[in-house]
Amino acid sequence: MKKFTIYIIFLVAIIFAGCDGYNKLMKSSNYELKLERANQYYTQANYVKAGALYEELIPVYKGTDQAEEIYYYFSYCNYYQGDYALAQYHFKNYYRSFPAGKHAEEALFMNAYCYYLNSPIYKLDQTDTKNAMAELQNFVDQFPESSRIDSCNSIADLLRGKLEHKEYDITKQYFSITDYKSGGPDYKAAIVSARNFIKDFPESKNIDEMLYLTIASYYHLAVNSLETKKLERLNLAMESYLKLVDLYPKSIYVTKAESIYQSCTRIKNNANKL
């Protein structure tokens, strides 16, 4: 027990001595020593202490040969601490400050990658997702021969899938959730959303469903419309049906869409008899 107590006291003393040493270092004006210790802390994965030292040294070494490396490692200190928003800012700023630097390509990629890491689940605001995609495209434009292009494409696919999922859910909600103004689904918004989905995600596996939702929405709008708008909406529903059958003849939505098409035809025929 006595030996254990002595060991604990000794360990605590070492810890406090280390803290005192670091605190004294932070107050020191020996910048060469600070840089040396910052690099040691970085190598030891002590990114909190390394980052604090690098941050102080950035203005001190500005314009010198060491400035680029200091800012590069400082950016990674933020990254390894999980502060991706701050890391993104500094990686981008590194690229702007040292566009011809040895780490310029890596920094611009990491700028985009940090946006990707901050991209939330699809149900939340997708600003960071869109920023990530824009920055990935910027990277590809700046470094078209980079070995990181495949990674950019893979990440972009993941981000695009997230945006697609969000827009898919929004369209379905417009079609199914009650709109308080009309007392029914918001068919007008569903049509706009489905059209945008088709335009933005032309390779999606859900295009046929979006076409069906467009058909059904035009039909429901038509049957509840004034006579002046009914014919136009029936025709739009029928045009969308023909597009669905032409593009996706084996779609599971063809049968339901055909039923709507036939109903549209009957309504138009009855109207012509009046």
C-alpha atoms as a PDB file:
ATOM      1  CA  MET A   1       0.000   0.000   0.000  1.00  0.00           C
ATOM      2  CA  LYS A   2       2.835   2.359   0.911  1.00  0.00           C
ATOM      3  CA  LYS A   3       4.602   1.656  -2.369  1.00  0.00           C
ATOM      4  CA  PHE A   4       1.387   2.287  -4.292  1.00  0.00           C
ATOM      5  CA  THR A   5       0.923   5.644  -2.537  1.00  0.00           C
ATOM      6  CA  ILE A   6       4.482   6.665  -3.341  1.00  0.00           C
ATOM      7  CA  TYR A   7       3.894   5.679  -6.993  1.00  0.00           C
ATOM      8  CA  ILE A   8       0.761   7.832  -7.210  1.00  0.00           C
ATOM      9  CA  ILE A   9       2.549  10.829  -5.662  1.00  0.00           C
ATOM     10  CA  PHE A  10       5.428  10.368  -8.088  1.00  0.00           C
ATOM     11  CA  LEU A  11       3.062  10.116 -11.070  1.00  0.00           C
ATOM     12  CA  VAL A  12       1.146  13.249 -10.048  1.00  0.00           C
ATOM     13  CA  ALA A  13       4.427  15.098  -9.606  1.00  0.00           C
ATOM     14  CA  ILE A  14       5.487  14.165 -13.119  1.00  0.00           C
ATOM     15  CA  ILE A  15       2.144  15.310 -14.526  1.00  0.00           C
ATOM     16  CA  PHE A  16       2.313  18.645 -12.768  1.00  0.00           C
ATOM     17  CA  ALA A  17       5.926  19.075 -13.765  1.00  0.00           C
ATOM     18  CA  GLY A  18       4.934  18.502 -17.379  1.00  0.00           C
ATOM     19  CA  CYS A  19       2.135  21.029 -17.092  1.00  0.00           C
ATOM     20  CA  ASP A  20       4.464  23.558 -15.496  1.00  0.00           C
ATOM     21  CA  GLY A  21       6.987  22.983 -18.277  1.00  0.00           C
ATOM     22  CA  TYR A  22       4.375  23.551 -20.933  1.00  0.00           C
ATOM     23  CA  ASN A  23       3.024  26.649 -19.219  1.00  0.00           C
ATOM     24  CA  LYS A  24       6.523  28.091 -18.945  1.00  0.00           C
ATOM     25  CA  LEU A  25       7.092  27.294 -22.603  1.00  0.00           C
ATOM     26  CA  MET A  26       3.917  29.136 -23.589  1.00  0.00           C
ATOM     27  CA  LYS A  27       5.166  32.237 -21.736  1.00  0.00           C
ATOM     28  CA  SER A  28       8.608  32.009 -23.284  1.00  0.00           C
ATOM     29  CA  SER A  29       9.836  34.173 -26.155  1.00  0.00           C
ATOM     30  CA  ASN A  30      12.161  31.428 -27.382  1.00  0.00           C
ATOM     31  CA  TYR A  31      10.308  30.768 -30.644  1.00  0.00           C
ATOM     32  CA  GLU A  32      12.822  28.270 -31.957  1.00  0.00           C
ATOM     33  CA  LEU A  33      12.268  26.135 -28.877  1.00  0.00           C
ATOM     34  CA  LYS A  34       8.504  26.543 -29.217  1.00  0.00           C
ATOM     35  CA  LEU A  35       8.636  25.324 -32.801  1.00  0.00           C
ATOM     36  CA  GLU A  36      10.804  22.380 -31.807  1.00  0.00           C
ATOM     37  CA  ARG A  37       8.419  21.431 -29.014  1.00  0.00           C
ATOM     38  CA  ALA A  38       5.366  21.962 -31.226  1.00  0.00           C
ATOM     39  CA  ASN A  39       6.776  19.484 -33.719  1.00  0.00           C
ATOM     40  CA  GLN A  40       7.474  17.028 -30.901  1.00  0.00           C
ATOM     41  CA  TYR A  41       3.921  17.359 -29.579  1.00  0.00           C
ATOM     42  CA  TYR A  42       2.584  16.831 -33.081  1.00  0.00           C
ATOM     43  CA  THR A  43       4.664  13.694 -33.542  1.00  0.00           C
ATOM     44  CA  GLN A  44       3.345  12.437 -30.198  1.00  0.00           C
ATOM     45  CA  ALA A  45      -0.253  13.128 -31.366  1.00  0.00           C
ATOM     46  CA  ASN A  46      -0.703  15.774 -28.675  1.00  0.00           C
ATOM     47  CA  TYR A  47      -2.613  18.023 -31.045  1.00  0.00           C
ATOM     48  CA  VAL A  48      -4.007  20.344 -28.375  1.00  0.00           C
ATOM     49  CA  LYS A  49      -0.571  21.514 -27.207  1.00  0.00           C
ATOM     50  CA  ALA A  50       0.928  21.405 -30.686  1.00  0.00           C
ATOM     51  CA  GLY A  51      -1.962  23.432 -32.067  1.00  0.00           C
ATOM     52  CA  ALA A  52      -1.685  26.103 -29.387  1.00  0.00           C
ATOM     53  CA  LEU A  53       2.021  26.517 -30.098  1.00  0.00           C
ATOM     54  CA  TYR A  54       1.608  26.532 -33.874  1.00  0.00           C
ATOM     55  CA  GLU A  55      -1.161  29.118 -33.622  1.00  0.00           C
ATOM     56  CA  GLU A  56       1.168  31.446 -31.724  1.00  0.00           C
ATOM     57  CA  LEU A  57       4.010  30.837 -34.160  1.00  0.00           C
ATOM     58  CA  ILE A  58       2.037  31.514 -37.369  1.00  0.00           C
ATOM     59  CA  PRO A  59       2.360  35.329 -37.196  1.00  0.00           C
ATOM     60  CA  VAL A  60       5.910  35.077 -35.844  1.00  0.00           C
ATOM     61  CA  TYR A  61       7.179  33.034 -38.798  1.00  0.00           C
ATOM     62  CA  LYS A  62       5.036  34.716 -41.456  1.00  0.00           C
ATOM     63  CA  GLY A  63       7.092  35.270 -44.610  1.00  0.00           C
ATOM     64  CA  THR A  64       9.778  32.793 -43.599  1.00  0.00           C
ATOM     65  CA  ASP A  65      10.660  29.391 -45.004  1.00  0.00           C
ATOM     66  CA  GLN A  66       9.016  27.691 -42.005  1.00  0.00           C
ATOM     67  CA  ALA A  67       5.658  29.467 -42.374  1.00  0.00           C
ATOM     68  CA  GLU A  68       4.167  26.960 -44.820  1.00  0.00           C
ATOM     69  CA  GLU A  69       4.918  23.886 -42.702  1.00  0.00           C
ATOM     70  CA  ILE A  70       3.717  25.542 -39.499  1.00  0.00           C
ATOM     71  CA  TYR A  71       0.364  26.423 -41.041  1.00  0.00           C
ATOM     72  CA  TYR A  72       0.054  22.981 -42.619  1.00  0.00           C
ATOM     73  CA  TYR A  73       0.541  21.201 -39.287  1.00  0.00           C
ATOM     74  CA  PHE A  74      -1.700  23.688 -37.508  1.00  0.00           C
ATOM     75  CA  SER A  75      -4.507  22.857 -39.945  1.00  0.00           C
ATOM     76  CA  TYR A  76      -4.098  19.168 -39.185  1.00  0.00           C
ATOM     77  CA  CYS A  77      -4.128  19.841 -35.439  1.00  0.00           C
ATOM     78  CA  ASN A  78      -7.674  21.154 -35.830  1.00  0.00           C
ATOM     79  CA  TYR A  79      -8.577  18.205 -38.041  1.00  0.00           C
ATOM     80  CA  TYR A  80      -7.266  15.582 -35.620  1.00  0.00           C
ATOM     81  CA  GLN A  81      -9.149  17.253 -32.759  1.00  0.00           C
ATOM     82  CA  GLY A  82     -12.357  16.760 -34.724  1.00  0.00           C
ATOM     83  CA  ASP A  83     -13.022  20.448 -35.361  1.00  0.00           C
ATOM     84  CA  TYR A  84     -13.746  19.941 -39.044  1.00  0.00           C
ATOM     85  CA  ALA A  85     -15.288  23.363 -39.597  1.00  0.00           C
ATOM     86  CA  LEU A  86     -12.155  25.108 -38.327  1.00  0.00           C
ATOM     87  CA  ALA A  87      -9.887  22.641 -40.106  1.00  0.00           C
ATOM     88  CA  GLN A  88     -11.762  23.257 -43.365  1.00  0.00           C
ATOM     89  CA  TYR A  89     -11.229  26.985 -43.000  1.00  0.00           C
ATOM     90  CA  HIS A  90      -7.502  26.627 -42.386  1.00  0.00           C
ATOM     91  CA  PHE A  91      -6.918  24.064 -45.135  1.00  0.00           C
ATOM     92  CA  LYS A  92      -8.614  26.415 -47.591  1.00  0.00           C
ATOM     93  CA  ASN A  93      -6.634  29.350 -46.228  1.00  0.00           C
ATOM     94  CA  TYR A  94      -3.416  27.347 -46.552  1.00  0.00           C
ATOM     95  CA  TYR A  95      -4.216  26.760 -50.219  1.00  0.00           C
ATOM     96  CA  ARG A  96      -4.917  30.457 -50.752  1.00  0.00           C
ATOM     97  CA  SER A  97      -1.745  31.473 -48.921  1.00  0.00           C
ATOM     98  CA  PHE A  98       0.528  28.885 -50.560  1.00  0.00           C
ATOM     99  CA  PRO A  99      -1.052  28.001 -53.934  1.00  0.00           C
ATOM    100  CA  ALA A 100       2.278  26.681 -55.177  1.00  0.00           C
ATOM    101  CA  GLY A 101       3.182  25.033 -51.864  1.00  0.00           C
ATOM    102  CA  LYS A 102       4.173  21.385 -51.535  1.00  0.00           C
ATOM    103  CA  HIS A 103       0.913  20.633 -49.708  1.00  0.00           C
ATOM    104  CA  ALA A 104      -1.408  22.747 -51.883  1.00  0.00           C
ATOM    105  CA  GLU A 105      -3.163  19.806 -53.554  1.00  0.00           C
ATOM    106  CA  GLU A 106      -3.597  17.946 -50.287  1.00  0.00           C
ATOM    107  CA  ALA A 107      -4.896  21.040 -48.506  1.00  0.00           C
ATOM    108  CA  LEU A 108      -7.523  21.767 -51.156  1.00  0.00           C
ATOM    109  CA  PHE A 109      -8.686  18.163 -50.995  1.00  0.00           C
ATOM    110  CA  MET A 110      -8.820  18.231 -47.195  1.00  0.00           C
ATOM    111  CA  ASN A 111     -10.869  21.417 -47.383  1.00  0.00           C
ATOM    112  CA  ALA A 112     -13.537  19.506 -49.325  1.00  0.00           C
ATOM    113  CA  TYR A 113     -13.138  16.396 -47.176  1.00  0.00           C
ATOM    114  CA  CYS A 114     -13.817  18.379 -43.991  1.00  0.00           C
ATOM    115  CA  TYR A 115     -17.054  19.671 -45.487  1.00  0.00           C
ATOM    116  CA  TYR A 116     -17.927  16.043 -46.222  1.00  0.00           C
ATOM    117  CA  LEU A 117     -17.206  15.007 -42.636  1.00  0.00           C
ATOM    118  CA  ASN A 118     -19.493  17.799 -41.398  1.00  0.00           C
ATOM    119  CA  SER A 119     -22.305  16.787 -43.744  1.00  0.00           C
ATOM    120  CA  PRO A 120     -25.247  15.730 -41.521  1.00  0.00           C
ATOM    121  CA  ILE A 121     -27.846  13.007 -41.991  1.00  0.00           C
ATOM    122  CA  TYR A 122     -30.098  13.593 -44.994  1.00  0.00           C
ATOM    123  CA  LYS A 123     -33.047  14.832 -42.925  1.00  0.00           C
ATOM    124  CA  LEU A 124     -31.120  17.891 -41.706  1.00  0.00           C
ATOM    125  CA  ASP A 125     -29.965  21.024 -43.506  1.00  0.00           C
ATOM    126  CA  GLN A 126     -27.681  20.039 -46.375  1.00  0.00           C
ATOM    127  CA  THR A 127     -25.642  23.235 -46.745  1.00  0.00           C
ATOM    128  CA  ASP A 128     -22.386  21.472 -45.842  1.00  0.00           C
ATOM    129  CA  THR A 129     -23.257  18.651 -48.240  1.00  0.00           C
ATOM    130  CA  LYS A 130     -23.681  21.105 -51.112  1.00  0.00           C
ATOM    131  CA  ASN A 131     -20.519  22.956 -50.097  1.00  0.00           C
ATOM    132  CA  ALA A 132     -18.623  19.672 -50.056  1.00  0.00           C
ATOM    133  CA  MET A 133     -19.790  18.843 -53.567  1.00  0.00           C
ATOM    134  CA  ALA A 134     -18.829  22.311 -54.813  1.00  0.00           C
ATOM    135  CA  GLU A 135     -15.389  22.058 -53.220  1.00  0.00           C
ATOM    136  CA  LEU A 136     -14.840  18.565 -54.603  1.00  0.00           C
ATOM    137  CA  GLN A 137     -15.641  19.865 -58.073  1.00  0.00           C
ATOM    138  CA  ASN A 138     -13.281  22.773 -57.492  1.00  0.00           C
ATOM    139  CA  PHE A 139     -10.545  20.313 -56.547  1.00  0.00           C
ATOM    140  CA  VAL A 140     -11.155  18.260 -59.685  1.00  0.00           C
ATOM    141  CA  ASP A 141     -11.000  21.419 -61.790  1.00  0.00           C
ATOM    142  CA  GLN A 142      -7.738  22.524 -60.183  1.00  0.00           C
ATOM    143  CA  PHE A 143      -6.046  19.095 -60.126  1.00  0.00           C
ATOM    144  CA  PRO A 144      -7.606  16.977 -62.904  1.00  0.00           C
ATOM    145  CA  GLU A 145      -4.661  14.559 -62.926  1.00  0.00           C
ATOM    146  CA  SER A 146      -4.605  14.030 -59.149  1.00  0.00           C
ATOM    147  CA  SER A 147      -4.489  10.535 -57.672  1.00  0.00           C
ATOM    148  CA  ARG A 148      -7.310  11.702 -55.388  1.00  0.00           C
ATOM    149  CA  ILE A 149      -9.852  12.007 -58.227  1.00  0.00           C
ATOM    150  CA  ASP A 150     -11.296   8.544 -57.573  1.00  0.00           C
ATOM    151  CA  SER A 151     -11.782   9.447 -53.918  1.00  0.00           C
ATOM    152  CA  CYS A 152     -13.511  12.669 -54.971  1.00  0.00           C
ATOM    153  CA  ASN A 153     -15.891  10.751 -57.215  1.00  0.00           C
ATOM    154  CA  SER A 154     -16.697   8.210 -54.501  1.00  0.00           C
ATOM    155  CA  ILE A 155     -17.369  10.932 -51.928  1.00  0.00           C
ATOM    156  CA  ALA A 156     -19.452  12.916 -54.423  1.00  0.00           C
ATOM    157  CA  ASP A 157     -21.610   9.834 -55.066  1.00  0.00           C
ATOM    158  CA  LEU A 158     -22.275   9.469 -51.339  1.00  0.00           C
ATOM    159  CA  LEU A 159     -23.176  13.147 -51.004  1.00  0.00           C
ATOM    160  CA  ARG A 160     -25.386  13.077 -54.087  1.00  0.00           C
ATOM    161  CA  GLY A 161     -27.199  10.066 -52.662  1.00  0.00           C
ATOM    162  CA  LYS A 162     -27.895  12.006 -49.487  1.00  0.00           C
ATOM    163  CA  LEU A 163     -29.357  14.939 -51.429  1.00  0.00           C
ATOM    164  CA  GLU A 164     -31.407  12.530 -53.532  1.00  0.00           C
ATOM    165  CA  HIS A 165     -32.811  10.844 -50.428  1.00  0.00           C
ATOM    166  CA  LYS A 166     -33.829  14.190 -48.966  1.00  0.00           C
ATOM    167  CA  GLU A 167     -35.536  15.384 -52.160  1.00  0.00           C
ATOM    168  CA  TYR A 168     -37.282  12.033 -52.542  1.00  0.00           C
ATOM    169  CA  ASP A 169     -38.762  12.295 -49.065  1.00  0.00           C
ATOM    170  CA  ILE A 170     -39.827  15.903 -49.631  1.00  0.00           C
ATOM    171  CA  THR A 171     -41.688  14.970 -52.815  1.00  0.00           C
ATOM    172  CA  LYS A 172     -43.435  12.066 -51.124  1.00  0.00           C
ATOM    173  CA  GLN A 173     -44.446  14.307 -48.258  1.00  0.00           C
ATOM    174  CA  TYR A 174     -45.994  16.868 -50.595  1.00  0.00           C
ATOM    175  CA  PHE A 175     -48.009  14.087 -52.179  1.00  0.00           C
ATOM    176  CA  SER A 176     -49.195  12.514 -48.948  1.00  0.00           C
ATOM    177  CA  ILE A 177     -49.175  15.095 -46.141  1.00  0.00           C
ATOM    178  CA  THR A 178     -52.179  17.329 -45.668  1.00  0.00           C
ATOM    179  CA  ASP A 179     -51.808  20.888 -46.891  1.00  0.00           C
ATOM    180  CA  TYR A 180     -53.622  23.137 -44.424  1.00  0.00           C
ATOM    181  CA  LYS A 181     -54.819  25.567 -47.074  1.00  0.00           C
ATOM    182  CA  SER A 182     -56.575  23.042 -49.291  1.00  0.00           C
ATOM    183  CA  GLY A 183     -57.334  20.314 -46.783  1.00  0.00           C
ATOM    184  CA  GLY A 184     -55.488  17.736 -48.895  1.00  0.00           C
ATOM    185  CA  PRO A 185     -52.039  16.871 -50.238  1.00  0.00           C
ATOM    186  CA  ASP A 186     -50.105  19.697 -51.856  1.00  0.00           C
ATOM    187  CA  TYR A 187     -50.245  18.381 -55.413  1.00  0.00           C
ATOM    188  CA  LYS A 188     -48.839  21.541 -56.988  1.00  0.00           C
ATOM    189  CA  ALA A 189     -45.749  21.372 -54.797  1.00  0.00           C
ATOM    190  CA  ALA A 190     -45.485  17.620 -55.452  1.00  0.00           C
ATOM    191  CA  ILE A 191     -45.388  18.251 -59.210  1.00  0.00           C
ATOM    192  CA  VAL A 192     -42.686  20.911 -58.913  1.00  0.00           C
ATOM    193  CA  SER A 193     -40.648  18.767 -56.530  1.00  0.00           C
ATOM    194  CA  ALA A 194     -40.967  15.644 -58.718  1.00  0.00           C
ATOM    195  CA  ARG A 195     -39.884  17.574 -61.805  1.00  0.00           C
ATOM    196  CA  ASN A 196     -36.878  18.986 -59.990  1.00  0.00           C
ATOM    197  CA  PHE A 197     -35.983  15.530 -58.748  1.00  0.00           C
ATOM    198  CA  ILE A 198     -36.069  14.141 -62.291  1.00  0.00           C
ATOM    199  CA  LYS A 199     -33.906  17.013 -63.532  1.00  0.00           C
ATOM    200  CA  ASP A 200     -31.396  16.870 -60.660  1.00  0.00           C
ATOM    201  CA  PHE A 201     -31.102  13.072 -60.367  1.00  0.00           C
ATOM    202  CA  PRO A 202     -31.686  11.671 -63.880  1.00  0.00           C
ATOM    203  CA  GLU A 203     -29.934   8.398 -63.057  1.00  0.00           C
ATOM    204  CA  SER A 204     -31.971   7.702 -59.925  1.00  0.00           C
ATOM    205  CA  LYS A 205     -33.766   4.381 -59.560  1.00  0.00           C
ATOM    206  CA  ASN A 206     -36.837   6.356 -58.458  1.00  0.00           C
ATOM    207  CA  ILE A 207     -37.492   8.290 -61.679  1.00  0.00           C
ATOM    208  CA  ASP A 208     -40.453   6.078 -62.608  1.00  0.00           C
ATOM    209  CA  GLU A 209     -42.028   6.706 -59.218  1.00  0.00           C
ATOM    210  CA  MET A 210     -41.545  10.463 -59.645  1.00  0.00           C
ATOM    211  CA  LEU A 211     -43.272  10.262 -63.032  1.00  0.00           C
ATOM    212  CA  TYR A 212     -46.156   8.365 -61.435  1.00  0.00           C
ATOM    213  CA  LEU A 213     -46.477  10.970 -58.676  1.00  0.00           C
ATOM    214  CA  THR A 214     -46.586  13.647 -61.384  1.00  0.00           C
ATOM    215  CA  ILE A 215     -49.358  11.766 -63.202  1.00  0.00           C
ATOM    216  CA  ALA A 216     -51.382  11.246 -60.036  1.00  0.00           C
ATOM    217  CA  SER A 217     -50.885  14.838 -58.894  1.00  0.00           C
ATOM    218  CA  TYR A 218     -52.041  16.315 -62.202  1.00  0.00           C
ATOM    219  CA  TYR A 219     -55.048  14.002 -62.143  1.00  0.00           C
ATOM    220  CA  HIS A 220     -56.078  14.924 -58.607  1.00  0.00           C
ATOM    221  CA  LEU A 221     -55.644  18.599 -59.401  1.00  0.00           C
ATOM    222  CA  ALA A 222     -57.730  18.186 -62.534  1.00  0.00           C
ATOM    223  CA  VAL A 223     -60.724  16.504 -60.912  1.00  0.00           C
ATOM    224  CA  ASN A 224     -60.837  19.253 -58.299  1.00  0.00           C
ATOM    225  CA  SER A 225     -60.230  22.097 -60.745  1.00  0.00           C
ATOM    226  CA  LEU A 226     -62.409  24.690 -62.358  1.00  0.00           C
ATOM    227  CA  GLU A 227     -63.448  23.709 -65.855  1.00  0.00           C
ATOM    228  CA  THR A 228     -61.025  26.264 -67.303  1.00  0.00           C
ATOM    229  CA  LYS A 229     -58.034  24.382 -65.859  1.00  0.00           C
ATOM    230  CA  LYS A 230     -59.331  20.819 -65.861  1.00  0.00           C
ATOM    231  CA  LEU A 231     -58.566  19.963 -69.502  1.00  0.00           C
ATOM    232  CA  GLU A 232     -55.018  21.283 -69.336  1.00  0.00           C
ATOM    233  CA  ARG A 233     -54.236  19.248 -66.232  1.00  0.00           C
ATOM    234  CA  LEU A 234     -55.810  16.105 -67.630  1.00  0.00           C
ATOM    235  CA  ASN A 235     -53.661  16.460 -70.737  1.00  0.00           C
ATOM    236  CA  LEU A 236     -50.530  16.944 -68.633  1.00  0.00           C
ATOM    237  CA  ALA A 237     -51.364  13.806 -66.640  1.00  0.00           C
ATOM    238  CA  MET A 238     -51.816  11.853 -69.867  1.00  0.00           C
ATOM    239  CA  GLU A 239     -48.566  13.196 -71.340  1.00  0.00           C
ATOM    240  CA  SER A 240     -46.714  12.140 -68.215  1.00  0.00           C
ATOM    241  CA  TYR A 241     -48.261   8.690 -68.461  1.00  0.00           C
ATOM    242  CA  LEU A 242     -47.031   8.282 -72.040  1.00  0.00           C
ATOM    243  CA  LYS A 243     -43.552   9.313 -70.934  1.00  0.00           C
ATOM    244  CA  LEU A 244     -43.614   6.760 -68.111  1.00  0.00           C
ATOM    245  CA  VAL A 245     -44.693   3.941 -70.440  1.00  0.00           C
ATOM    246  CA  ASP A 246     -42.114   4.939 -73.028  1.00  0.00           C
ATOM    247  CA  LEU A 247     -39.185   5.127 -70.594  1.00  0.00           C
ATOM    248  CA  TYR A 248     -40.178   2.468 -68.062  1.00  0.00           C
ATOM    249  CA  PRO A 249     -42.590   0.003 -69.712  1.00  0.00           C
ATOM    250  CA  LYS A 250     -41.933  -2.610 -67.002  1.00  0.00           C
ATOM    251  CA  SER A 251     -42.271  -0.259 -64.043  1.00  0.00           C
ATOM    252  CA  ILE A 252     -44.433  -1.381 -61.148  1.00  0.00           C
ATOM    253  CA  TYR A 253     -46.257   1.952 -61.458  1.00  0.00           C
ATOM    254  CA  VAL A 254     -47.481   1.397 -65.020  1.00  0.00           C
ATOM    255  CA  THR A 255     -50.665  -0.428 -64.007  1.00  0.00           C
ATOM    256  CA  LYS A 256     -51.772   2.284 -61.570  1.00  0.00           C
ATOM    257  CA  ALA A 257     -50.790   4.989 -64.040  1.00  0.00           C
ATOM    258  CA  GLU A 258     -52.776   3.289 -66.795  1.00  0.00           C
ATOM    259  CA  SER A 259     -55.865   3.334 -64.595  1.00  0.00           C
ATOM    260  CA  ILE A 260     -55.440   7.091 -64.150  1.00  0.00           C
ATOM    261  CA  TYR A 261     -54.919   7.521 -67.900  1.00  0.00           C
ATOM    262  CA  GLN A 262     -58.163   5.694 -68.633  1.00  0.00           C
ATOM    263  CA  SER A 263     -59.978   7.830 -66.076  1.00  0.00           C
ATOM    264  CA  CYS A 264     -58.594  10.975 -67.713  1.00  0.00           C
ATOM    265  CA  THR A 265     -59.830   9.724 -71.087  1.00  0.00           C
ATOM    266  CA  ARG A 266     -63.351   9.097 -69.734  1.00  0.00           C
ATOM    267  CA  ILE A 267     -63.541  12.535 -68.149  1.00  0.00           C
ATOM    268  CA  LYS A 268     -62.446  14.189 -71.391  1.00  0.00           C
ATOM    269  CA  ASN A 269     -64.927  12.150 -73.448  1.00  0.00           C
ATOM    270  CA  ASN A 270     -67.788  13.009 -71.110  1.00  0.00           C
ATOM    271  CA  ALA A 271     -66.853  16.668 -71.261  1.00  0.00           C
ATOM    272  CA  ASN A 272     -66.954  16.565 -75.075  1.00  0.00           C
ATOM    273  CA  LYS A 273     -70.501  15.155 -74.982  1.00  0.00           C
ATOM    274  CA  LEU A 274     -71.806  18.149 -73.053  1.00  0.00           C
END
